[in-house]
Amino acid sequence: MHLSPKAVFFSQVFGSFLGVPINYAVVRWVLDTKFDYLTGAKEDPAHQWTAQSLTSNLTMGVQYVLIGPRRLFQQHIYKVLPYGFLVGAFTPLLIYALHRAFPRAKFQLWNSTIFFSAMASFYGNISTGYVSSLIGGFVVMFWAYRYRYDMWARWNYILAAAFDAGFNFNMLLTFLFFGAGKIVTMPNWWGNDAASSERCFALD
């Protein structure tokens, strides 16, 4: 399935015009109704409103504006962090050199930007999305591509869109039926942690 660049561009523009007011309305609703939970003034009985992205952005702002990079990186535990700029600059060159030296190893398929950006957005324990992404990526982009190519070529693009739409629709339904109404206690079983809001093992 191929979409023209013009169709992709205008769909993104339309999505932006549609998404901005909706996102703003959702943010205002969350701040107006869940502000005490986000700030920690009150404890959320369901332990679902963690404000992890907001807390992370606030922490980064405090680090780089109030403390400053020089004093921040003087601490022993953070001294190695500035070398990340060198790693990010030289990793594509290393991948290119490996591709030239071993053309059959398919190093050209490695994308350091995606790898490092995924590491940058990992906050700790709150999501199991990385394991699910690895499993899904392996099944779709390796197994199906190699052993079921005809099916992959015909349905992969639509399947990816279906996964995205299904995930967002599922989040909406989960919020409507479990988050916005009566609190429903999640059953505890051997595969989860009773103390975790997402039924997974939490960091101490």
C-alpha atoms as a PDB file:
ATOM      1  CA  MET A   1       0.000   0.000   0.000  1.00  0.00           C
ATOM      2  CA  HIS A   2       1.459   3.349  -1.078  1.00  0.00           C
ATOM      3  CA  LEU A   3       0.264   6.805  -0.102  1.00  0.00           C
ATOM      4  CA  SER A   4       1.314   9.886  -1.996  1.00  0.00           C
ATOM      5  CA  PRO A   5       3.433  12.440  -0.101  1.00  0.00           C
ATOM      6  CA  LYS A   6       0.683  15.019  -0.616  1.00  0.00           C
ATOM      7  CA  ALA A   7      -1.930  12.787   1.032  1.00  0.00           C
ATOM      8  CA  VAL A   8       0.388  12.045   3.957  1.00  0.00           C
ATOM      9  CA  PHE A   9       1.196  15.743   4.419  1.00  0.00           C
ATOM     10  CA  PHE A  10      -2.416  16.930   4.398  1.00  0.00           C
ATOM     11  CA  SER A  11      -3.503  14.091   6.680  1.00  0.00           C
ATOM     12  CA  GLN A  12      -0.849  15.186   9.184  1.00  0.00           C
ATOM     13  CA  VAL A  13      -1.956  18.812   8.898  1.00  0.00           C
ATOM     14  CA  PHE A  14      -5.595  17.805   9.388  1.00  0.00           C
ATOM     15  CA  GLY A  15      -4.633  15.602  12.334  1.00  0.00           C
ATOM     16  CA  SER A  16      -2.733  18.481  13.930  1.00  0.00           C
ATOM     17  CA  PHE A  17      -5.662  20.890  13.586  1.00  0.00           C
ATOM     18  CA  LEU A  18      -7.964  18.257  15.016  1.00  0.00           C
ATOM     19  CA  GLY A  19      -5.611  17.094  17.757  1.00  0.00           C
ATOM     20  CA  VAL A  20      -4.564  20.438  19.240  1.00  0.00           C
ATOM     21  CA  PRO A  21      -7.958  21.499  20.665  1.00  0.00           C
ATOM     22  CA  ILE A  22      -8.775  17.950  21.769  1.00  0.00           C
ATOM     23  CA  ASN A  23      -5.419  17.521  23.514  1.00  0.00           C
ATOM     24  CA  TYR A  24      -5.751  20.911  25.171  1.00  0.00           C
ATOM     25  CA  ALA A  25      -9.268  20.090  26.374  1.00  0.00           C
ATOM     26  CA  VAL A  26      -8.061  16.789  27.829  1.00  0.00           C
ATOM     27  CA  VAL A  27      -5.133  18.497  29.572  1.00  0.00           C
ATOM     28  CA  ARG A  28      -7.440  21.118  31.063  1.00  0.00           C
ATOM     29  CA  TRP A  29      -9.845  18.416  32.251  1.00  0.00           C
ATOM     30  CA  VAL A  30      -7.036  16.450  33.887  1.00  0.00           C
ATOM     31  CA  LEU A  31      -5.646  19.546  35.611  1.00  0.00           C
ATOM     32  CA  ASP A  32      -9.079  20.679  36.790  1.00  0.00           C
ATOM     33  CA  THR A  33     -10.175  17.297  38.153  1.00  0.00           C
ATOM     34  CA  LYS A  34      -6.964  15.461  39.089  1.00  0.00           C
ATOM     35  CA  PHE A  35      -4.643  18.295  40.103  1.00  0.00           C
ATOM     36  CA  ASP A  36      -4.354  17.227  43.746  1.00  0.00           C
ATOM     37  CA  TYR A  37      -3.427  13.699  42.697  1.00  0.00           C
ATOM     38  CA  LEU A  38      -0.783  14.976  40.277  1.00  0.00           C
ATOM     39  CA  THR A  39       0.853  17.220  42.867  1.00  0.00           C
ATOM     40  CA  GLY A  40       0.695  14.632  45.627  1.00  0.00           C
ATOM     41  CA  ALA A  41      -1.561  16.732  47.852  1.00  0.00           C
ATOM     42  CA  LYS A  42      -3.989  13.814  47.889  1.00  0.00           C
ATOM     43  CA  GLU A  43      -3.350  10.139  47.376  1.00  0.00           C
ATOM     44  CA  ASP A  44      -5.053   8.601  44.380  1.00  0.00           C
ATOM     45  CA  PRO A  45      -6.959   5.566  45.700  1.00  0.00           C
ATOM     46  CA  ALA A  46      -6.510   3.791  42.357  1.00  0.00           C
ATOM     47  CA  HIS A  47      -2.821   4.815  42.043  1.00  0.00           C
ATOM     48  CA  GLN A  48      -3.333   5.548  38.345  1.00  0.00           C
ATOM     49  CA  TRP A  49      -2.539   9.251  38.130  1.00  0.00           C
ATOM     50  CA  THR A  50       1.251   9.195  38.473  1.00  0.00           C
ATOM     51  CA  ALA A  51       2.106  12.319  36.421  1.00  0.00           C
ATOM     52  CA  GLN A  52       5.347  10.659  35.395  1.00  0.00           C
ATOM     53  CA  SER A  53       5.815  12.725  32.217  1.00  0.00           C
ATOM     54  CA  LEU A  54       5.037  15.982  34.036  1.00  0.00           C
ATOM     55  CA  THR A  55       7.394  15.070  36.877  1.00  0.00           C
ATOM     56  CA  SER A  56      10.138  14.108  34.441  1.00  0.00           C
ATOM     57  CA  ASN A  57       9.835  17.392  32.511  1.00  0.00           C
ATOM     58  CA  LEU A  58       9.843  19.387  35.750  1.00  0.00           C
ATOM     59  CA  THR A  59      12.927  17.539  36.968  1.00  0.00           C
ATOM     60  CA  MET A  60      14.773  18.208  33.712  1.00  0.00           C
ATOM     61  CA  GLY A  61      13.825  21.872  33.891  1.00  0.00           C
ATOM     62  CA  VAL A  62      15.136  22.149  37.450  1.00  0.00           C
ATOM     63  CA  GLN A  63      18.352  20.352  36.508  1.00  0.00           C
ATOM     64  CA  TYR A  64      19.294  22.464  33.525  1.00  0.00           C
ATOM     65  CA  VAL A  65      17.890  25.857  34.557  1.00  0.00           C
ATOM     66  CA  LEU A  66      18.324  26.150  38.314  1.00  0.00           C
ATOM     67  CA  ILE A  67      21.299  23.850  38.884  1.00  0.00           C
ATOM     68  CA  GLY A  68      22.973  24.189  35.500  1.00  0.00           C
ATOM     69  CA  PRO A  69      24.833  21.591  33.449  1.00  0.00           C
ATOM     70  CA  ARG A  70      28.246  22.401  34.921  1.00  0.00           C
ATOM     71  CA  ARG A  71      27.291  21.844  38.561  1.00  0.00           C
ATOM     72  CA  LEU A  72      25.018  18.943  37.662  1.00  0.00           C
ATOM     73  CA  PHE A  73      27.728  16.992  35.853  1.00  0.00           C
ATOM     74  CA  GLN A  74      30.301  17.664  38.567  1.00  0.00           C
ATOM     75  CA  GLN A  75      28.727  14.938  40.653  1.00  0.00           C
ATOM     76  CA  HIS A  76      30.509  11.629  40.346  1.00  0.00           C
ATOM     77  CA  ILE A  77      27.468   9.664  39.226  1.00  0.00           C
ATOM     78  CA  TYR A  78      26.715  12.095  36.371  1.00  0.00           C
ATOM     79  CA  LYS A  79      30.227  12.787  35.067  1.00  0.00           C
ATOM     80  CA  VAL A  80      29.878  10.175  32.342  1.00  0.00           C
ATOM     81  CA  LEU A  81      26.676  11.669  30.867  1.00  0.00           C
ATOM     82  CA  PRO A  82      28.303  14.340  28.628  1.00  0.00           C
ATOM     83  CA  TYR A  83      30.081  11.553  26.777  1.00  0.00           C
ATOM     84  CA  GLY A  84      26.658  10.605  25.458  1.00  0.00           C
ATOM     85  CA  PHE A  85      27.055  13.386  22.873  1.00  0.00           C
ATOM     86  CA  LEU A  86      30.155  11.655  21.528  1.00  0.00           C
ATOM     87  CA  VAL A  87      28.413   8.287  21.533  1.00  0.00           C
ATOM     88  CA  GLY A  88      25.484   9.733  19.598  1.00  0.00           C
ATOM     89  CA  ALA A  89      27.808  11.387  17.077  1.00  0.00           C
ATOM     90  CA  PHE A  90      30.029   8.380  16.403  1.00  0.00           C
ATOM     91  CA  THR A  91      27.486   5.550  16.546  1.00  0.00           C
ATOM     92  CA  PRO A  92      26.149   6.181  12.993  1.00  0.00           C
ATOM     93  CA  LEU A  93      29.734   6.227  11.713  1.00  0.00           C
ATOM     94  CA  LEU A  94      30.407   2.928  13.465  1.00  0.00           C
ATOM     95  CA  ILE A  95      27.289   1.377  11.957  1.00  0.00           C
ATOM     96  CA  TYR A  96      28.325   2.630   8.518  1.00  0.00           C
ATOM     97  CA  ALA A  97      31.808   1.155   8.947  1.00  0.00           C
ATOM     98  CA  LEU A  98      30.346  -2.181  10.033  1.00  0.00           C
ATOM     99  CA  HIS A  99      28.044  -2.145   7.020  1.00  0.00           C
ATOM    100  CA  ARG A 100      30.972  -1.522   4.680  1.00  0.00           C
ATOM    101  CA  ALA A 101      33.051  -4.248   6.316  1.00  0.00           C
ATOM    102  CA  PHE A 102      30.235  -6.810   6.579  1.00  0.00           C
ATOM    103  CA  PRO A 103      27.668  -5.998   3.874  1.00  0.00           C
ATOM    104  CA  ARG A 104      25.760  -9.248   4.355  1.00  0.00           C
ATOM    105  CA  ALA A 105      25.199  -8.656   8.073  1.00  0.00           C
ATOM    106  CA  LYS A 106      22.594  -5.936   7.279  1.00  0.00           C
ATOM    107  CA  PHE A 107      24.016  -3.342   9.635  1.00  0.00           C
ATOM    108  CA  GLN A 108      22.367  -0.725   7.411  1.00  0.00           C
ATOM    109  CA  LEU A 109      19.077  -1.684   9.044  1.00  0.00           C
ATOM    110  CA  TRP A 110      20.286  -0.570  12.458  1.00  0.00           C
ATOM    111  CA  ASN A 111      18.906   2.823  13.483  1.00  0.00           C
ATOM    112  CA  SER A 112      20.776   4.391  16.371  1.00  0.00           C
ATOM    113  CA  THR A 113      18.351   7.327  16.552  1.00  0.00           C
ATOM    114  CA  ILE A 114      15.387   5.072  17.298  1.00  0.00           C
ATOM    115  CA  PHE A 115      17.421   3.052  19.798  1.00  0.00           C
ATOM    116  CA  PHE A 116      18.681   6.051  21.768  1.00  0.00           C
ATOM    117  CA  SER A 117      15.351   7.894  21.637  1.00  0.00           C
ATOM    118  CA  ALA A 118      13.640   4.855  23.141  1.00  0.00           C
ATOM    119  CA  MET A 119      16.221   4.805  25.933  1.00  0.00           C
ATOM    120  CA  ALA A 120      15.706   8.525  26.554  1.00  0.00           C
ATOM    121  CA  SER A 121      11.963   8.110  27.133  1.00  0.00           C
ATOM    122  CA  PHE A 122      12.256   5.169  29.534  1.00  0.00           C
ATOM    123  CA  TYR A 123      11.228   6.335  33.007  1.00  0.00           C
ATOM    124  CA  GLY A 124      11.672   3.120  34.919  1.00  0.00           C
ATOM    125  CA  ASN A 125       9.057   0.581  35.787  1.00  0.00           C
ATOM    126  CA  ILE A 126       5.708   2.047  34.875  1.00  0.00           C
ATOM    127  CA  SER A 127       5.203   0.388  31.503  1.00  0.00           C
ATOM    128  CA  THR A 128       5.706  -3.021  29.984  1.00  0.00           C
ATOM    129  CA  GLY A 129       5.530  -1.563  26.485  1.00  0.00           C
ATOM    130  CA  TYR A 130       9.157  -2.278  25.643  1.00  0.00           C
ATOM    131  CA  VAL A 131       8.793  -6.038  26.028  1.00  0.00           C
ATOM    132  CA  SER A 132       5.560  -5.987  24.031  1.00  0.00           C
ATOM    133  CA  SER A 133       7.226  -3.892  21.321  1.00  0.00           C
ATOM    134  CA  LEU A 134      10.152  -6.287  21.050  1.00  0.00           C
ATOM    135  CA  ILE A 135       7.868  -9.309  20.790  1.00  0.00           C
ATOM    136  CA  GLY A 136       5.581  -7.638  18.257  1.00  0.00           C
ATOM    137  CA  GLY A 137       8.492  -6.331  16.206  1.00  0.00           C
ATOM    138  CA  PHE A 138      10.146  -9.746  16.101  1.00  0.00           C
ATOM    139  CA  VAL A 139       6.971 -11.523  15.016  1.00  0.00           C
ATOM    140  CA  VAL A 140       5.949  -8.972  12.390  1.00  0.00           C
ATOM    141  CA  MET A 141       9.269  -7.722  11.016  1.00  0.00           C
ATOM    142  CA  PHE A 142      11.268 -10.949  11.218  1.00  0.00           C
ATOM    143  CA  TRP A 143       9.089 -14.046  11.327  1.00  0.00           C
ATOM    144  CA  ALA A 144       6.233 -12.817   9.117  1.00  0.00           C
ATOM    145  CA  TYR A 145       8.582 -11.019   6.714  1.00  0.00           C
ATOM    146  CA  ARG A 146      10.784 -14.084   6.276  1.00  0.00           C
ATOM    147  CA  TYR A 147       8.272 -16.929   6.361  1.00  0.00           C
ATOM    148  CA  ARG A 148       4.959 -15.298   5.377  1.00  0.00           C
ATOM    149  CA  TYR A 149       6.094 -12.580   2.994  1.00  0.00           C
ATOM    150  CA  ASP A 150       2.958 -12.534   0.802  1.00  0.00           C
ATOM    151  CA  MET A 151       0.757 -12.036   3.832  1.00  0.00           C
ATOM    152  CA  TRP A 152       3.198  -9.477   5.251  1.00  0.00           C
ATOM    153  CA  ALA A 153       3.332  -7.457   2.019  1.00  0.00           C
ATOM    154  CA  ARG A 154      -0.446  -7.346   1.758  1.00  0.00           C
ATOM    155  CA  TRP A 155      -1.502  -6.740   5.352  1.00  0.00           C
ATOM    156  CA  ASN A 156       1.433  -5.284   7.292  1.00  0.00           C
ATOM    157  CA  TYR A 157       0.620  -1.600   6.739  1.00  0.00           C
ATOM    158  CA  ILE A 158      -3.069  -2.067   7.527  1.00  0.00           C
ATOM    159  CA  LEU A 159      -2.237  -4.233  10.535  1.00  0.00           C
ATOM    160  CA  ALA A 160       0.055  -1.533  11.955  1.00  0.00           C
ATOM    161  CA  ALA A 161      -2.703   1.059  11.571  1.00  0.00           C
ATOM    162  CA  ALA A 162      -5.172  -1.358  13.170  1.00  0.00           C
ATOM    163  CA  PHE A 163      -2.856  -1.853  16.147  1.00  0.00           C
ATOM    164  CA  ASP A 164      -2.545   1.919  16.628  1.00  0.00           C
ATOM    165  CA  ALA A 165      -6.280   2.489  16.335  1.00  0.00           C
ATOM    166  CA  GLY A 166      -7.088  -0.503  18.527  1.00  0.00           C
ATOM    167  CA  PHE A 167      -4.689   0.623  21.234  1.00  0.00           C
ATOM    168  CA  ASN A 168      -6.108   4.134  21.390  1.00  0.00           C
ATOM    169  CA  PHE A 169      -9.689   2.862  21.272  1.00  0.00           C
ATOM    170  CA  ASN A 170      -8.887   0.396  24.040  1.00  0.00           C
ATOM    171  CA  MET A 171      -7.399   3.186  26.161  1.00  0.00           C
ATOM    172  CA  LEU A 172     -10.567   5.221  25.658  1.00  0.00           C
ATOM    173  CA  LEU A 173     -12.801   2.307  26.659  1.00  0.00           C
ATOM    174  CA  THR A 174     -10.611   1.465  29.641  1.00  0.00           C
ATOM    175  CA  PHE A 175     -10.843   5.056  30.838  1.00  0.00           C
ATOM    176  CA  LEU A 176     -14.601   5.286  30.287  1.00  0.00           C
ATOM    177  CA  PHE A 177     -15.494   1.998  31.942  1.00  0.00           C
ATOM    178  CA  PHE A 178     -12.849   1.723  34.663  1.00  0.00           C
ATOM    179  CA  GLY A 179     -11.307   5.152  35.255  1.00  0.00           C
ATOM    180  CA  ALA A 180     -14.179   7.600  35.081  1.00  0.00           C
ATOM    181  CA  GLY A 181     -16.787   5.707  37.054  1.00  0.00           C
ATOM    182  CA  LYS A 182     -16.909   3.336  39.966  1.00  0.00           C
ATOM    183  CA  ILE A 183     -13.557   1.988  41.143  1.00  0.00           C
ATOM    184  CA  VAL A 184     -13.215  -1.673  40.205  1.00  0.00           C
ATOM    185  CA  THR A 185     -10.624  -3.674  42.109  1.00  0.00           C
ATOM    186  CA  MET A 186      -8.245  -5.502  39.796  1.00  0.00           C
ATOM    187  CA  PRO A 187      -7.964  -9.205  40.674  1.00  0.00           C
ATOM    188  CA  ASN A 188      -4.577 -10.307  41.946  1.00  0.00           C
ATOM    189  CA  TRP A 189      -2.976 -13.421  40.506  1.00  0.00           C
ATOM    190  CA  TRP A 190       0.485 -14.977  40.207  1.00  0.00           C
ATOM    191  CA  GLY A 191       1.496 -12.902  37.179  1.00  0.00           C
ATOM    192  CA  ASN A 192       1.188  -9.456  38.742  1.00  0.00           C
ATOM    193  CA  ASP A 193       2.036  -7.472  41.817  1.00  0.00           C
ATOM    194  CA  ALA A 194      -0.862  -6.537  44.067  1.00  0.00           C
ATOM    195  CA  ALA A 195       0.809  -3.261  45.077  1.00  0.00           C
ATOM    196  CA  SER A 196       1.215  -2.001  41.505  1.00  0.00           C
ATOM    197  CA  SER A 197      -1.437   0.051  39.744  1.00  0.00           C
ATOM    198  CA  GLU A 198      -0.523  -1.519  36.402  1.00  0.00           C
ATOM    199  CA  ARG A 199      -0.354  -5.054  37.778  1.00  0.00           C
ATOM    200  CA  CYS A 200       3.369  -5.320  37.168  1.00  0.00           C
ATOM    201  CA  PHE A 201       6.374  -5.336  39.452  1.00  0.00           C
ATOM    202  CA  ALA A 202       7.195  -1.871  40.746  1.00  0.00           C
ATOM    203  CA  LEU A 203      10.629  -0.558  41.607  1.00  0.00           C
ATOM    204  CA  ASP A 204      11.410   0.008  45.264  1.00  0.00           C
END
